[in-house]
Protein backbone atom coordinates (compact mmCIF):
# COMPACT_ATOMS: atom_id res chain seq x y z
CA MET A 1 -18.89 16.44 4.66
CA THR A 2 -20.23 13.85 7.09
CA GLY A 3 -20.19 15.87 10.33
CA LYS A 4 -19.08 14.96 13.83
CA ALA A 5 -22.56 13.99 15.03
CA ALA A 6 -22.87 11.18 12.48
CA LEU A 7 -19.31 10.05 13.12
CA ARG A 8 -19.93 9.88 16.87
CA GLU A 9 -23.08 7.87 16.17
CA ALA A 10 -20.99 5.38 14.16
CA LEU A 11 -18.76 4.85 17.21
CA GLU A 12 -21.45 4.86 19.87
CA GLY A 13 -21.50 1.75 22.02
CA LEU A 14 -18.60 0.01 20.24
CA ALA A 15 -15.86 -1.46 22.44
CA PHE A 16 -12.65 0.23 21.30
CA SER A 17 -9.04 0.72 22.25
CA GLY A 18 -6.45 2.56 20.18
CA ASP A 19 -6.23 6.08 18.75
CA CYS A 20 -9.19 8.07 17.48
CA ARG A 21 -8.98 11.70 16.33
CA PHE A 22 -11.20 14.16 14.54
CA ASP A 23 -9.67 16.37 11.83
CA GLU A 24 -6.40 14.46 11.72
CA ALA A 25 -3.99 15.77 9.07
CA MET A 26 -3.36 13.11 6.43
CA ALA A 27 0.03 14.69 5.73
CA ALA A 28 1.19 12.95 8.91
CA HIS A 29 0.21 9.53 7.54
CA THR A 30 1.44 9.49 3.93
CA THR A 31 4.92 9.23 2.47
CA PHE A 32 4.24 12.27 0.24
CA LYS A 33 3.64 14.36 3.41
CA VAL A 34 0.64 16.14 1.90
CA GLY A 35 -3.10 16.03 2.54
CA GLY A 36 -5.75 17.78 4.57
CA PRO A 37 -7.75 16.48 7.54
CA ALA A 38 -9.58 13.20 7.76
CA GLU A 39 -12.95 13.87 9.37
CA LEU A 40 -12.28 10.92 11.65
CA TRP A 41 -8.99 9.00 11.75
CA ILE A 42 -9.08 5.82 13.77
CA GLN A 43 -6.38 3.24 14.49
CA PRO A 44 -7.69 0.25 16.48
CA ASP A 45 -5.42 -1.83 18.69
CA ALA A 46 -4.86 -5.41 17.58
CA ALA A 47 -6.67 -6.66 20.71
CA CYS A 48 -10.01 -5.19 19.62
CA PHE A 49 -9.51 -5.17 15.86
CA LEU A 50 -11.47 -8.28 14.86
CA SER A 51 -14.48 -7.37 17.00
CA PHE A 52 -14.48 -3.59 16.55
CA THR A 53 -13.72 -3.26 12.83
CA PRO A 54 -16.61 -5.32 11.38
CA ALA A 55 -19.00 -3.51 13.72
CA LEU A 56 -17.65 -0.11 12.70
CA LEU A 57 -17.81 -0.87 8.99
CA GLY A 58 -21.36 -2.19 9.31
CA ARG A 59 -22.43 0.89 11.25
CA ALA A 60 -20.75 3.22 8.74
CA LYS A 61 -22.45 1.45 5.83
CA ALA A 62 -25.85 1.77 7.47
CA LEU A 63 -25.31 5.49 8.10
CA GLY A 64 -23.92 6.16 4.63
CA ILE A 65 -20.50 7.20 5.95
CA PRO A 66 -17.61 6.59 3.54
CA VAL A 67 -14.62 4.64 4.88
CA PHE A 68 -11.11 4.75 3.45
CA ILE A 69 -8.69 1.97 4.42
CA LEU A 70 -5.18 3.29 5.11
CA GLY A 71 -2.18 0.97 5.00
CA GLY A 72 1.33 2.40 4.95
CA GLY A 73 0.25 5.57 3.14
CA ALA A 74 2.94 4.90 0.56
CA ASN A 75 1.09 5.09 -2.73
CA ILE A 76 -1.57 7.70 -2.09
CA VAL A 77 -2.09 11.45 -2.30
CA ALA A 78 -4.80 12.73 0.03
CA ALA A 79 -6.61 15.85 -1.18
CA ASP A 80 -5.76 19.20 0.36
CA ARG A 81 -9.37 19.54 1.51
CA GLY A 82 -9.05 16.23 3.35
CA ILE A 83 -10.99 12.97 3.31
CA GLU A 84 -14.67 12.74 4.09
CA GLY A 85 -15.89 10.22 6.64
CA ILE A 86 -13.66 7.68 8.35
CA VAL A 87 -10.04 6.80 7.67
CA LEU A 88 -9.38 3.36 9.14
CA ASP A 89 -5.66 3.07 9.81
CA MET A 90 -4.41 -0.53 9.82
CA GLY A 91 -1.08 0.30 11.47
CA ARG A 92 -1.62 -1.66 14.69
CA TRP A 93 -3.00 -4.74 12.94
CA ALA A 94 0.52 -5.92 12.25
CA GLY A 95 2.96 -8.76 12.74
CA MET A 96 3.49 -12.37 11.73
CA LEU A 97 0.75 -14.77 12.73
CA PRO A 98 2.26 -17.31 15.13
CA GLY A 99 0.13 -20.31 14.23
CA PRO A 100 -3.26 -21.40 12.90
CA GLU A 101 -4.87 -18.28 14.38
CA VAL A 102 -6.22 -16.97 11.09
CA LEU A 103 -4.92 -18.54 7.91
CA GLY A 104 -3.58 -21.87 8.99
CA PRO A 105 0.00 -22.66 9.89
CA GLY A 106 2.51 -19.95 10.59
CA PRO A 107 6.10 -20.67 9.59
CA ALA A 108 5.89 -24.43 9.18
CA GLU A 109 6.84 -26.85 6.48
CA ARG A 110 3.98 -28.80 4.94
CA GLU A 111 5.09 -32.37 4.52
CA GLU A 112 3.01 -33.06 1.44
CA THR A 113 4.63 -30.30 -0.63
CA GLY A 114 7.86 -29.45 1.12
CA ARG A 115 6.85 -25.78 0.87
CA VAL A 116 7.09 -23.29 3.70
CA PHE A 117 4.30 -20.87 4.57
CA ALA A 118 4.15 -17.69 6.63
CA ALA A 119 1.17 -15.44 7.33
CA PHE A 120 1.24 -11.70 8.11
CA ARG A 121 -1.43 -9.28 9.22
CA SER A 122 -2.21 -6.68 6.61
CA GLY A 123 -0.89 -3.69 8.58
CA THR A 124 2.60 -5.17 8.76
CA PRO A 125 5.13 -2.93 6.99
CA ALA A 126 6.38 -4.74 3.90
CA ASP A 127 10.01 -4.26 4.88
CA GLN A 128 9.30 -5.64 8.34
CA ALA A 129 7.64 -8.74 6.86
CA ALA A 130 10.73 -9.41 4.76
CA CYS A 131 12.91 -9.04 7.87
CA LEU A 132 10.72 -11.32 9.98
CA ALA A 133 10.73 -13.99 7.29
CA ALA A 134 14.52 -13.75 6.89
CA SER A 135 15.02 -14.13 10.64
CA LEU A 136 13.35 -17.54 10.30
CA ASP A 137 15.44 -18.52 7.25
CA LEU A 138 12.43 -18.03 4.98
CA GLY A 139 13.05 -16.58 1.53
CA GLY A 140 10.64 -15.13 -0.99
CA LEU A 141 9.78 -11.71 0.42
CA GLU A 142 13.24 -10.14 0.24
CA PHE A 143 12.27 -8.20 -2.91
CA LEU A 144 10.09 -6.05 -0.62
CA ALA A 145 13.07 -4.83 1.42
CA GLY A 146 13.20 -1.07 1.63
CA MET A 147 9.77 -0.67 0.07
CA PRO A 148 7.40 1.62 1.99
CA GLY A 149 3.86 0.44 2.47
CA SER A 150 2.10 -2.45 4.15
CA ILE A 151 1.42 -6.09 3.38
CA GLY A 152 -2.26 -5.34 2.80
CA GLY A 153 -1.45 -2.56 0.37
CA SER A 154 1.11 -4.75 -1.38
CA VAL A 155 -1.47 -7.48 -1.93
CA TRP A 156 -4.16 -5.00 -3.00
CA MET A 157 -1.78 -3.43 -5.52
CA ASN A 158 0.03 -6.66 -6.40
CA ALA A 159 3.19 -4.69 -5.75
CA ARG A 160 6.11 -5.37 -8.05
CA CYS A 161 9.80 -4.54 -7.80
CA TYR A 162 13.07 -6.18 -8.79
CA GLU A 163 11.26 -8.26 -11.42
CA LYS A 164 8.99 -9.95 -8.89
CA SER A 165 5.33 -9.42 -7.92
CA VAL A 166 3.56 -10.25 -4.68
CA SER A 167 1.38 -12.67 -6.64
CA ALA A 168 4.46 -14.83 -7.26
CA VAL A 169 4.49 -15.89 -3.59
CA LEU A 170 0.88 -15.33 -2.49
CA GLU A 171 -0.96 -18.47 -1.37
CA GLU A 172 -4.13 -17.15 0.24
CA THR A 173 -5.69 -13.88 1.38
CA GLU A 174 -8.10 -13.44 4.24
CA ILE A 175 -10.63 -10.66 3.80
CA LEU A 176 -13.54 -9.04 5.55
CA ASP A 177 -16.17 -8.96 2.82
CA GLY A 178 -18.68 -6.20 2.21
CA ASP A 179 -21.35 -8.18 4.03
CA GLY A 180 -19.20 -8.40 7.18
CA ALA A 181 -18.15 -12.03 6.70
CA VAL A 182 -14.55 -13.20 7.06
CA ARG A 183 -13.52 -15.20 4.01
CA ARG A 184 -10.42 -16.94 2.70
CA VAL A 185 -9.56 -16.30 -0.91
CA PRO A 186 -7.16 -18.86 -2.43
CA PHE A 187 -4.69 -17.45 -4.92
CA ARG A 188 -5.63 -17.82 -8.59
CA ALA A 189 -3.14 -16.60 -11.16
CA ALA A 190 -5.95 -15.56 -13.51
CA ASP A 191 -7.16 -13.01 -10.94
CA PHE A 192 -3.87 -11.11 -10.86
CA GLY A 193 -1.97 -9.04 -13.38
CA TYR A 194 0.66 -6.34 -13.54
CA LYS A 195 -0.09 -4.27 -10.43
CA LYS A 196 -3.64 -5.61 -10.48
CA SER A 197 -5.47 -7.75 -7.95
CA PRO A 198 -9.09 -8.92 -7.66
CA PHE A 199 -9.48 -6.84 -4.49
CA GLN A 200 -9.29 -3.56 -6.39
CA ASP A 201 -12.79 -4.16 -7.74
CA ARG A 202 -14.36 -5.42 -4.51
CA ASP A 203 -15.64 -3.79 -1.35
CA VAL A 204 -13.36 -5.72 0.99
CA LEU A 205 -10.87 -5.20 3.78
CA ILE A 206 -7.72 -7.33 3.52
CA LEU A 207 -7.02 -8.84 6.95
CA SER A 208 -3.98 -10.99 6.32
CA ALA A 209 -2.02 -12.87 3.70
CA LEU A 210 -0.39 -16.27 3.58
CA PHE A 211 2.80 -16.51 1.53
CA ARG A 212 4.46 -19.52 -0.04
CA LEU A 213 8.13 -19.23 0.85
CA GLU A 214 11.28 -21.35 0.77
CA SER A 215 14.02 -22.28 3.19
CA ARG A 216 17.13 -20.14 2.66
CA PRO A 217 19.92 -19.03 5.01
CA GLU A 218 19.27 -15.76 6.79
CA ALA A 219 22.69 -14.34 5.92
CA GLU A 220 22.03 -14.87 2.21
CA LEU A 221 18.62 -13.20 2.46
CA ARG A 222 19.99 -10.25 4.45
CA ALA A 223 22.63 -9.63 1.78
CA VAL A 224 19.99 -9.48 -0.95
CA MET A 225 17.78 -7.20 1.15
CA GLU A 226 20.63 -4.81 1.90
CA ALA A 227 21.48 -4.64 -1.80
CA HIS A 228 17.88 -3.67 -2.59
CA ARG A 229 17.88 -0.97 0.08
CA LYS A 230 21.14 0.48 -1.22
CA ASP A 231 19.78 0.44 -4.77
CA ARG A 232 16.69 2.37 -3.66
CA GLU A 233 18.90 4.84 -1.84
CA ALA A 234 21.14 5.27 -4.87
CA LYS A 235 18.07 5.97 -7.02
CA GLY A 236 17.07 8.75 -4.63
CA HIS A 237 13.90 7.17 -3.32
CA TYR A 238 14.53 8.55 0.16
CA ARG A 239 15.85 12.03 -0.64
CA PHE A 240 12.45 13.71 -0.67
CA PRO A 241 8.90 12.69 0.24
CA SER A 242 7.44 10.66 -2.62
CA ALA A 243 5.40 7.59 -3.49
CA GLY A 244 8.13 5.78 -5.40
CA SER A 245 7.30 5.26 -9.07
CA ALA A 246 4.66 7.72 -10.21
CA PHE A 247 3.59 5.82 -13.35
CA LYS A 248 3.23 2.16 -14.22
CA ASN A 249 5.58 0.50 -16.65
CA ASN A 250 4.11 -1.19 -19.70
CA ARG A 251 6.04 -3.71 -21.79
CA ALA A 252 4.17 -2.50 -24.87
CA PHE A 253 6.01 0.83 -24.56
CA GLY A 254 9.29 -0.93 -25.36
CA LYS A 255 11.20 0.73 -22.55
CA PRO A 256 10.69 1.72 -18.89
CA THR A 257 8.40 4.67 -18.26
CA GLY A 258 11.19 6.54 -16.50
CA GLN A 259 13.33 6.30 -19.62
CA ILE A 260 10.48 7.58 -21.78
CA ILE A 261 10.04 10.60 -19.51
CA ASP A 262 13.82 11.18 -19.41
CA GLU A 263 14.16 11.10 -23.19
CA LEU A 264 11.46 13.75 -23.54
CA GLY A 265 13.49 16.05 -21.29
CA LEU A 266 10.90 16.13 -18.52
CA ARG A 267 13.22 15.60 -15.58
CA GLY A 268 12.89 18.55 -13.24
CA LEU A 269 9.45 19.56 -14.56
CA ARG A 270 7.60 21.34 -11.74
CA ARG A 271 4.17 22.35 -10.55
CA GLY A 272 4.42 24.44 -7.40
CA GLY A 273 6.35 22.39 -4.86
CA ALA A 274 6.01 19.14 -6.82
CA SER A 275 8.73 18.10 -9.22
CA ILE A 276 9.79 15.24 -11.43
CA ALA A 277 13.09 14.28 -9.80
CA PRO A 278 16.06 15.81 -11.64
CA TRP A 279 17.77 12.41 -11.44
CA HIS A 280 14.90 10.02 -12.38
CA GLY A 281 11.98 10.46 -14.76
CA ASN A 282 9.52 8.20 -12.93
CA LEU A 283 10.02 9.66 -9.47
CA LEU A 284 7.72 12.51 -8.50
CA ILE A 285 8.83 14.31 -5.34
CA ASN A 286 7.60 16.83 -2.81
CA THR A 287 10.41 19.41 -2.69
CA GLY A 288 9.15 20.60 0.67
CA ARG A 289 6.12 22.79 -0.02
CA ALA A 290 4.04 20.76 -2.46
CA THR A 291 0.28 20.53 -2.17
CA ALA A 292 -1.78 17.55 -3.19
CA ALA A 293 -3.13 19.67 -6.04
CA ASP A 294 0.44 20.33 -7.24
CA ILE A 295 1.18 16.61 -7.36
CA ARG A 296 -2.02 15.75 -9.18
CA ALA A 297 -1.52 18.55 -11.69
CA LEU A 298 2.07 17.49 -12.37
CA THR A 299 1.05 13.91 -13.14
CA GLY A 300 -1.47 15.36 -15.60
CA ASP A 301 1.21 17.54 -17.21
CA VAL A 302 3.52 14.56 -17.72
CA ARG A 303 0.76 12.38 -19.15
CA GLU A 304 -0.28 15.09 -21.59
CA LYS A 305 3.28 15.74 -22.78
CA VAL A 306 4.04 12.03 -23.25
CA PHE A 307 0.80 11.46 -25.14
CA ALA A 308 1.36 14.52 -27.34
CA ALA A 309 4.89 13.42 -28.21
CA LEU A 310 4.47 9.64 -28.52
CA GLY A 311 0.78 8.76 -28.39
CA ILE A 312 1.44 6.77 -25.20
CA ARG A 313 -1.10 6.93 -22.38
CA LEU A 314 0.68 6.64 -19.03
CA GLU A 315 -1.22 5.15 -16.12
CA CYS A 316 -0.63 6.57 -12.63
CA GLU A 317 0.47 4.26 -9.84
CA ILE A 318 -0.51 6.93 -7.33
CA LEU A 319 -4.02 6.71 -5.89
CA PHE A 320 -5.61 10.15 -5.45
CA VAL A 321 -7.99 10.13 -2.48
CA GLY A 322 -10.60 12.72 -1.59
CA PHE A 323 -10.46 14.69 -4.83
């Protein structure tokens, strides 16, 4: 492990406001409610974020301290032994950008295209972004309603639900590159795929995202969003701690992954306190006493059984951190 002396050295002399804790339980910051302590968990205020964060990352790189970027904690399992180094929590770097502060115009129609654009900081909860856009009669993000996680995580993962991916409305992403420079990355369709983005293979921090939206009445958008939330509730997404879908779908399989798992009779399969939901094959849940090791082992059990029966290799959506 890194040790408190090195972590204190990484912070020394940096102007900071926010929360900063040693040995912070990751179970408190993930939707699965599992995970041991982060050596140092830090959540900068928005007021100091753009000055403090590049300095911290540069210092950590120089000292050889690993840094994990935490968004909404919705698609990760943190190891029971915890996470080495620094966990940088983006939770306070949130909200809609009001104007040309970072990415260009906020909600404003561009005369040359007739399109509408809105920018959000990466720590903004995805559901909140959809609500903020709807309040301004801006449609395009309503498919994110009810989805846990942040805008930054959604862009990084190219999140997809209700037959729509983030890449369908993404115009531009602002990042802090590995060399400490702030860069704008225009959207290119070739860089994105099913739950894939170019940022998964780069040492970058997503700062904000500009979305290409459309003018639609708020009432119409709210109705769609409420329908999505009710659908998630009906599917049991909120009954127990989970990360939503455990495995990616693949059109080559010929049917949804959940159906494949169901047809093999794997609903209810357990490892310790982790279980495949009795009502949905692609929902892995914490029944109340699961460990991170239980969850990881159960995903392995399912993958092995599906491959043995059908020759299909399932790919996890869940990111295992600290193992």
